[in-house]
Amino acid sequence: MRKSFKYAIKAFVLGGFILSALGPLFSAVKAENSAIVLMYHRFGETKFPSTNIRLKQFDKHIEELTSGKYNILPVRKIFEAIKNGTPLPDRTVGITIDDGYRSIFTEAWPRLKKAGLPFTVFVATDPIDRGSDNYINWDQIRALIKGGVEIGAHTSSHNHMPISNSARNKRELEKSNARMTAELGKAPDIFAYPFGEASQKTQKLVRDTGYIMAFGQHSGVVNASTDKNYMPRFALNENYGDINRLRLVLNTLPLPAKDITPSDPLIGKNNPPDFGFTVASSLKNLHRLSCFSSSEGRVRVERLGFRIEVRMTNAFPKGRTRINCTLPGPDNRWHWFGTLFVVP
């Protein structure tokens, strides 16, 4: 088994990719129409391996990102380029960090600033207002902004939005925006869903609140067919943060999809769901497409022309279940598409 394929399989637990059709499906899959977005949480906080990246790992990440192979841009510029159809250089990358832990300020920022790498931080406001020891404070956030870092919203309490009622979700967004306005002078217009969880209702609420783009915590490549209300990111942590996985991620290619079913990531009675999507007609060797579920491993794939139907054997457990589909591409690169479902 090739090493890159081993990492593609190993990485399936890290996320999914919900897309919607925004016009005709791409007839060509081009790297210049896409970008990879990375997601971190903590830095050097080894008590939390599932959300932490070790500092030695992160130093290697920065060395790789500054090697000259990649084009690092703020996620806002990536979003605007894809929205406007402006070509992006191959291997364009954005960097994001969620929650607002203090190690962002003490460990990540000095390294990223020295390397000249832009990044965005999505913060939940309640822990900051409480003065939690392991979170940044408002003065540190203002220093980040002064240094060119963009701050995005992440609700007030970091709640599970799909299983919270609409009234609470609305209060969470309003409170977050009010605190941001009071402390920073304005509310953000970009958002990241806590835990990467989003239902159709929460996506609509986020859009109606005024956020122009929103990110999940699921792997995939941002491209012109991506739903701007639920954009994918590759999560990196201690277990999935070695240099080989990072290189795999940084070299992924889009797997544009449309007509995704079910359209709502929140699963009801139909469990497991009848999951399917239609891929771009230019993709080659579709017989080599493989899909993996975080709850049962490799799952059955049925192809009806360019329609892909994925069939699971077992019902999804409570919480999050990810399905990732990969297809070998040129130059040992991988096309990547996935999804994340939530069972209440």
Protein backbone atom coordinates (compact mmCIF):
# COMPACT_ATOMS: atom_id res chain seq x y z
CA MET A 1 0.00 0.00 0.00
CA ARG A 2 1.45 3.38 -0.97
CA LYS A 3 2.22 5.68 1.94
CA SER A 4 0.03 8.47 0.59
CA PHE A 5 -2.93 6.10 0.38
CA LYS A 6 -2.31 4.95 3.94
CA TYR A 7 -2.54 8.56 5.12
CA ALA A 8 -5.65 9.16 3.02
CA ILE A 9 -7.37 6.26 4.78
CA LYS A 10 -6.06 7.22 8.22
CA ALA A 11 -7.26 10.78 7.80
CA PHE A 12 -10.91 9.95 7.11
CA VAL A 13 -11.94 10.47 10.72
CA LEU A 14 -11.03 14.13 10.60
CA GLY A 15 -13.90 15.61 8.74
CA GLY A 16 -16.44 15.93 6.03
CA PHE A 17 -17.47 18.31 3.34
CA ILE A 18 -21.06 19.58 2.75
CA LEU A 19 -21.53 21.21 -0.66
CA SER A 20 -24.41 22.74 -2.57
CA ALA A 21 -24.94 23.46 -6.24
CA LEU A 22 -24.17 27.07 -7.11
CA GLY A 23 -24.75 26.92 -10.84
CA PRO A 24 -23.75 24.23 -13.35
CA LEU A 25 -21.42 21.49 -12.19
CA PHE A 26 -17.81 22.03 -13.21
CA SER A 27 -16.88 20.37 -16.48
CA ALA A 28 -13.22 20.62 -15.48
CA VAL A 29 -11.52 20.12 -12.14
CA LYS A 30 -8.77 22.71 -11.83
CA ALA A 31 -6.49 23.37 -8.90
CA GLU A 32 -6.53 27.10 -9.63
CA ASN A 33 -10.24 27.14 -8.77
CA SER A 34 -9.63 25.80 -5.27
CA ALA A 35 -7.80 26.20 -1.97
CA ILE A 36 -6.95 24.18 1.12
CA VAL A 37 -7.90 25.64 4.50
CA LEU A 38 -6.14 24.35 7.63
CA MET A 39 -7.62 24.37 11.14
CA TYR A 40 -5.83 24.35 14.48
CA HIS A 41 -6.94 24.82 18.10
CA ARG A 42 -4.16 24.61 20.70
CA PHE A 43 -0.39 24.86 20.50
CA GLY A 44 1.93 23.04 22.87
CA GLU A 45 -0.91 22.04 25.23
CA THR A 46 -0.16 18.33 25.38
CA LYS A 47 -2.90 17.58 27.91
CA PHE A 48 -5.38 17.93 25.04
CA PRO A 49 -3.97 15.79 22.17
CA SER A 50 -7.20 15.73 20.15
CA THR A 51 -7.16 19.51 19.74
CA ASN A 52 -3.47 20.27 20.27
CA ILE A 53 -0.51 20.43 17.91
CA ARG A 54 2.91 19.88 19.44
CA LEU A 55 5.28 22.80 18.99
CA LYS A 56 7.85 20.66 17.17
CA GLN A 57 5.11 19.57 14.79
CA PHE A 58 3.97 23.15 14.28
CA ASP A 59 7.52 24.33 13.59
CA LYS A 60 7.76 21.69 10.86
CA HIS A 61 4.40 22.85 9.48
CA ILE A 62 5.66 26.42 9.22
CA GLU A 63 8.88 25.21 7.57
CA GLU A 64 6.81 23.34 4.98
CA LEU A 65 4.38 26.21 4.42
CA THR A 66 7.27 28.62 3.81
CA SER A 67 9.17 26.25 1.52
CA GLY A 68 8.02 28.10 -1.60
CA LYS A 69 5.64 25.36 -2.75
CA TYR A 70 2.50 27.05 -1.45
CA ASN A 71 0.60 30.31 -1.71
CA ILE A 72 -0.66 31.34 1.75
CA LEU A 73 -3.55 33.82 1.71
CA PRO A 74 -6.08 35.13 4.26
CA VAL A 75 -9.28 33.09 4.04
CA ARG A 76 -11.21 36.23 3.11
CA LYS A 77 -9.09 36.70 -0.02
CA ILE A 78 -9.51 33.03 -0.88
CA PHE A 79 -13.28 33.31 -0.52
CA GLU A 80 -13.44 36.48 -2.64
CA ALA A 81 -11.28 34.99 -5.39
CA ILE A 82 -13.37 31.82 -5.68
CA LYS A 83 -16.61 33.80 -5.46
CA ASN A 84 -15.50 36.14 -8.26
CA GLY A 85 -13.98 33.41 -10.42
CA THR A 86 -10.48 34.86 -10.03
CA PRO A 87 -7.82 32.16 -10.57
CA LEU A 88 -5.77 31.20 -7.54
CA PRO A 89 -2.25 29.76 -7.72
CA ASP A 90 -2.04 26.00 -7.36
CA ARG A 91 -1.70 24.90 -3.72
CA THR A 92 -3.25 28.03 -2.27
CA VAL A 93 -3.65 27.62 1.50
CA GLY A 94 -5.52 29.44 4.29
CA ILE A 95 -4.82 29.09 8.02
CA THR A 96 -7.53 29.23 10.70
CA ILE A 97 -7.55 28.68 14.46
CA ASP A 98 -10.68 28.02 16.54
CA ASP A 99 -11.87 28.84 20.07
CA GLY A 100 -9.34 31.43 21.29
CA TYR A 101 -6.96 29.55 23.56
CA ARG A 102 -4.10 31.55 25.06
CA SER A 103 -1.47 29.46 23.30
CA ILE A 104 -2.60 31.14 20.07
CA PHE A 105 -1.17 34.37 21.43
CA THR A 106 1.87 32.98 23.24
CA GLU A 107 2.98 30.24 20.81
CA ALA A 108 1.25 30.38 17.42
CA TRP A 109 1.26 34.11 16.74
CA PRO A 110 5.02 34.69 17.31
CA ARG A 111 5.83 31.84 14.93
CA LEU A 112 3.30 32.79 12.26
CA LYS A 113 4.24 36.48 12.48
CA LYS A 114 7.95 35.70 12.08
CA ALA A 115 7.16 33.54 9.06
CA GLY A 116 4.89 36.21 7.55
CA LEU A 117 1.90 33.86 7.38
CA PRO A 118 -1.63 35.36 7.62
CA PHE A 119 -4.27 33.59 9.69
CA THR A 120 -7.77 33.95 11.12
CA VAL A 121 -8.96 33.22 14.68
CA PHE A 122 -12.58 32.31 15.47
CA VAL A 123 -13.35 33.09 19.12
CA ALA A 124 -16.17 32.18 21.48
CA THR A 125 -16.79 35.24 23.66
CA ASP A 126 -18.07 33.79 26.97
CA PRO A 127 -14.76 32.21 28.09
CA ILE A 128 -12.99 35.49 27.29
CA ASP A 129 -15.52 37.49 29.32
CA ARG A 130 -15.11 35.07 32.23
CA GLY A 131 -11.36 35.60 32.16
CA SER A 132 -10.64 31.88 31.80
CA ASP A 133 -6.97 31.20 32.45
CA ASN A 134 -6.28 29.29 29.26
CA TYR A 135 -8.02 31.78 26.93
CA ILE A 136 -6.80 34.99 25.36
CA ASN A 137 -8.21 38.25 26.68
CA TRP A 138 -9.67 41.23 24.85
CA ASP A 139 -6.41 43.20 24.99
CA GLN A 140 -4.60 40.29 23.35
CA ILE A 141 -7.30 40.08 20.69
CA ARG A 142 -6.86 43.77 19.97
CA ALA A 143 -3.11 43.20 19.66
CA LEU A 144 -3.75 40.39 17.17
CA ILE A 145 -5.99 42.65 15.09
CA LYS A 146 -3.38 45.42 15.17
CA GLY A 147 -0.89 42.84 13.89
CA GLY A 148 -3.08 41.99 10.89
CA VAL A 149 -4.92 38.93 12.25
CA GLU A 150 -8.61 38.64 11.33
CA ILE A 151 -11.06 37.70 14.10
CA GLY A 152 -14.19 35.72 13.32
CA ALA A 153 -17.23 34.69 15.36
CA HIS A 154 -17.73 31.29 17.02
CA THR A 155 -20.93 31.88 19.08
CA SER A 156 -20.79 33.06 22.69
CA SER A 157 -20.67 29.77 24.61
CA HIS A 158 -19.48 27.32 21.93
CA ASN A 159 -22.75 25.38 22.01
CA HIS A 160 -23.87 22.43 19.87
CA MET A 161 -25.95 24.42 17.40
CA PRO A 162 -27.90 21.66 15.56
CA ILE A 163 -29.30 20.27 18.81
CA SER A 164 -29.93 23.67 20.43
CA ASN A 165 -33.26 25.36 19.82
CA SER A 166 -33.51 28.30 17.44
CA ALA A 167 -34.05 30.84 20.23
CA ARG A 168 -30.84 29.86 21.98
CA ASN A 169 -28.83 29.84 18.75
CA LYS A 170 -30.10 33.31 17.93
CA ARG A 171 -29.16 34.56 21.40
CA GLU A 172 -25.70 33.02 21.05
CA LEU A 173 -25.01 34.86 17.78
CA GLU A 174 -26.50 38.15 18.99
CA LYS A 175 -24.53 38.06 22.24
CA SER A 176 -21.29 37.22 20.42
CA ASN A 177 -21.78 40.08 17.99
CA ALA A 178 -22.68 42.52 20.76
CA ARG A 179 -19.55 41.67 22.73
CA MET A 180 -17.37 41.90 19.63
CA THR A 181 -18.86 45.29 18.78
CA ALA A 182 -18.37 46.58 22.32
CA GLU A 183 -14.75 45.41 22.58
CA LEU A 184 -13.50 45.63 19.01
CA GLY A 185 -15.70 48.28 17.41
CA LYS A 186 -17.56 46.01 15.03
CA ALA A 187 -19.01 42.52 14.69
CA PRO A 188 -17.30 39.98 12.40
CA ASP A 189 -18.89 38.91 9.15
CA ILE A 190 -17.18 35.49 9.07
CA PHE A 191 -18.11 32.53 11.25
CA ALA A 192 -17.05 29.02 12.27
CA TYR A 193 -19.55 26.48 13.65
CA PRO A 194 -18.63 25.08 17.09
CA PHE A 195 -17.58 21.44 16.73
CA GLY A 196 -18.12 21.86 12.98
CA GLU A 197 -21.80 21.02 13.44
CA ALA A 198 -24.42 22.66 11.24
CA SER A 199 -27.96 21.77 10.25
CA GLN A 200 -29.97 23.45 7.51
CA LYS A 201 -31.69 25.62 10.13
CA THR A 202 -28.43 26.76 11.72
CA GLN A 203 -26.92 27.52 8.32
CA LYS A 204 -29.91 29.71 7.47
CA LEU A 205 -29.68 31.47 10.83
CA VAL A 206 -25.97 32.15 10.35
CA ARG A 207 -26.63 33.52 6.87
CA ASP A 208 -29.55 35.65 8.04
CA THR A 209 -27.42 37.05 10.87
CA GLY A 210 -25.17 38.58 8.25
CA TYR A 211 -22.16 36.29 8.03
CA ILE A 212 -20.87 36.15 4.46
CA MET A 213 -19.06 32.85 4.91
CA ALA A 214 -18.93 30.10 7.51
CA PHE A 215 -16.61 27.15 8.14
CA GLY A 216 -17.12 23.68 9.51
CA GLN A 217 -14.57 21.29 10.97
CA HIS A 218 -14.52 18.82 8.14
CA SER A 219 -11.94 17.94 5.54
CA GLY A 220 -12.20 18.89 1.90
CA VAL A 221 -11.02 21.41 -0.66
CA VAL A 222 -12.79 24.76 -1.03
CA ASN A 223 -13.83 25.26 -4.65
CA ALA A 224 -16.44 27.04 -6.74
CA SER A 225 -19.13 24.46 -5.93
CA THR A 226 -18.60 24.78 -2.17
CA ASP A 227 -21.49 26.07 -0.09
CA LYS A 228 -20.23 29.38 1.33
CA ASN A 229 -22.35 28.75 4.45
CA TYR A 230 -20.43 25.55 5.33
CA MET A 231 -16.93 25.49 3.94
CA PRO A 232 -14.48 22.65 4.65
CA ARG A 233 -11.19 22.69 6.52
CA PHE A 234 -8.54 20.07 7.27
CA ALA A 235 -8.09 19.64 11.03
CA LEU A 236 -4.57 19.17 12.35
CA ASN A 237 -3.70 17.83 15.80
CA GLU A 238 -1.09 15.66 17.53
CA ASN A 239 -2.34 12.38 16.03
CA TYR A 240 -3.01 13.80 12.57
CA GLY A 241 -0.33 16.45 12.40
CA ASP A 242 2.85 14.71 11.28
CA ILE A 243 4.63 16.19 8.28
CA ASN A 244 3.52 13.42 5.90
CA ARG A 245 -0.15 14.03 6.59
CA LEU A 246 0.33 17.76 6.26
CA ARG A 247 1.91 17.27 2.83
CA LEU A 248 -0.94 14.97 1.84
CA VAL A 249 -3.43 17.65 2.86
CA LEU A 250 -1.57 20.52 1.18
CA ASN A 251 -1.55 18.64 -2.11
CA THR A 252 -5.21 17.60 -2.20
CA LEU A 253 -7.38 18.48 -5.18
CA PRO A 254 -11.09 19.33 -5.28
CA LEU A 255 -13.71 16.71 -5.96
CA PRO A 256 -16.57 19.01 -7.01
CA ALA A 257 -20.00 17.65 -6.17
CA LYS A 258 -23.65 18.66 -6.40
CA ASP A 259 -27.11 17.21 -5.73
CA ILE A 260 -25.98 15.97 -2.32
CA THR A 261 -28.44 13.83 -0.39
CA PRO A 262 -29.57 14.15 2.30
CA SER A 263 -29.37 17.93 2.14
CA ASP A 264 -29.60 18.31 5.93
CA PRO A 265 -26.61 17.13 8.00
CA LEU A 266 -28.92 16.63 11.00
CA ILE A 267 -30.07 13.00 10.84
CA GLY A 268 -33.61 12.03 11.79
CA LYS A 269 -35.37 8.70 11.46
CA ASN A 270 -33.57 7.66 8.27
CA ASN A 271 -30.38 6.35 9.89
CA PRO A 272 -28.07 5.54 8.25
CA PRO A 273 -28.98 8.03 5.53
CA ASP A 274 -29.00 7.29 1.82
CA PHE A 275 -25.94 9.38 1.08
CA GLY A 276 -25.13 10.35 -2.49
CA PHE A 277 -23.73 13.07 -4.75
CA THR A 278 -22.96 13.81 -8.39
CA VAL A 279 -19.38 14.51 -9.43
CA ALA A 280 -17.82 16.52 -12.23
CA SER A 281 -17.89 14.78 -15.60
CA SER A 282 -14.20 15.44 -16.19
CA LEU A 283 -13.05 13.23 -13.32
CA LYS A 284 -11.20 10.13 -14.44
CA ASN A 285 -11.00 6.60 -13.06
CA LEU A 286 -14.10 6.87 -10.91
CA HIS A 287 -13.89 3.12 -10.34
CA ARG A 288 -11.02 3.94 -7.96
CA LEU A 289 -13.12 6.24 -5.77
CA SER A 290 -13.28 4.98 -2.17
CA CYS A 291 -15.40 6.18 0.74
CA PHE A 292 -14.90 5.72 4.48
CA SER A 293 -17.22 6.23 7.42
CA SER A 294 -15.83 7.14 10.85
CA SER A 295 -18.32 4.71 12.39
CA GLU A 296 -17.60 1.61 10.28
CA GLY A 297 -14.58 2.16 8.04
CA ARG A 298 -14.69 1.48 4.32
CA VAL A 299 -18.24 1.49 2.94
CA ARG A 300 -19.86 0.34 -0.29
CA VAL A 301 -19.85 2.72 -3.26
CA GLU A 302 -22.27 2.40 -6.19
CA ARG A 303 -21.69 4.35 -9.41
CA LEU A 304 -24.50 5.30 -11.78
CA GLY A 305 -22.59 7.25 -14.41
CA PHE A 306 -21.36 10.32 -12.53
CA ARG A 307 -23.78 9.75 -9.67
CA ILE A 308 -22.17 8.28 -6.56
CA GLU A 309 -24.27 6.44 -3.97
CA VAL A 310 -22.65 5.48 -0.67
CA ARG A 311 -24.25 2.74 1.40
CA MET A 312 -23.60 2.15 5.09
CA THR A 313 -24.49 -1.05 6.95
CA ASN A 314 -25.02 0.29 10.46
CA ALA A 315 -26.94 3.21 11.93
CA PHE A 316 -24.79 6.19 12.88
CA PRO A 317 -24.14 6.54 16.63
CA LYS A 318 -25.14 9.65 18.55
CA GLY A 319 -22.95 12.64 17.85
CA ARG A 320 -20.84 13.26 14.75
CA THR A 321 -20.20 10.81 11.93
CA ARG A 322 -17.92 11.68 9.04
CA ILE A 323 -17.80 10.18 5.56
CA ASN A 324 -14.83 10.98 3.35
CA CYS A 325 -14.41 10.00 -0.28
CA THR A 326 -11.05 10.10 -2.07
CA LEU A 327 -10.01 9.55 -5.66
CA PRO A 328 -6.42 9.25 -6.94
CA GLY A 329 -5.45 12.25 -9.06
CA PRO A 330 -2.41 13.27 -11.10
CA ASP A 331 1.10 13.50 -9.66
CA ASN A 332 0.23 11.37 -6.61
CA ARG A 333 -2.34 13.92 -5.44
CA TRP A 334 -5.82 13.07 -4.16
CA HIS A 335 -9.26 14.47 -4.98
CA TRP A 336 -11.16 14.77 -1.70
CA PHE A 337 -14.83 15.09 -0.79
CA GLY A 338 -16.64 14.30 2.42
CA THR A 339 -19.51 15.12 4.69
CA LEU A 340 -20.35 15.35 8.38
CA PHE A 341 -23.62 14.18 9.88
CA VAL A 342 -25.02 14.81 13.37
CA VAL A 343 -27.31 12.41 15.24
CA PRO A 344 -29.04 14.10 18.23
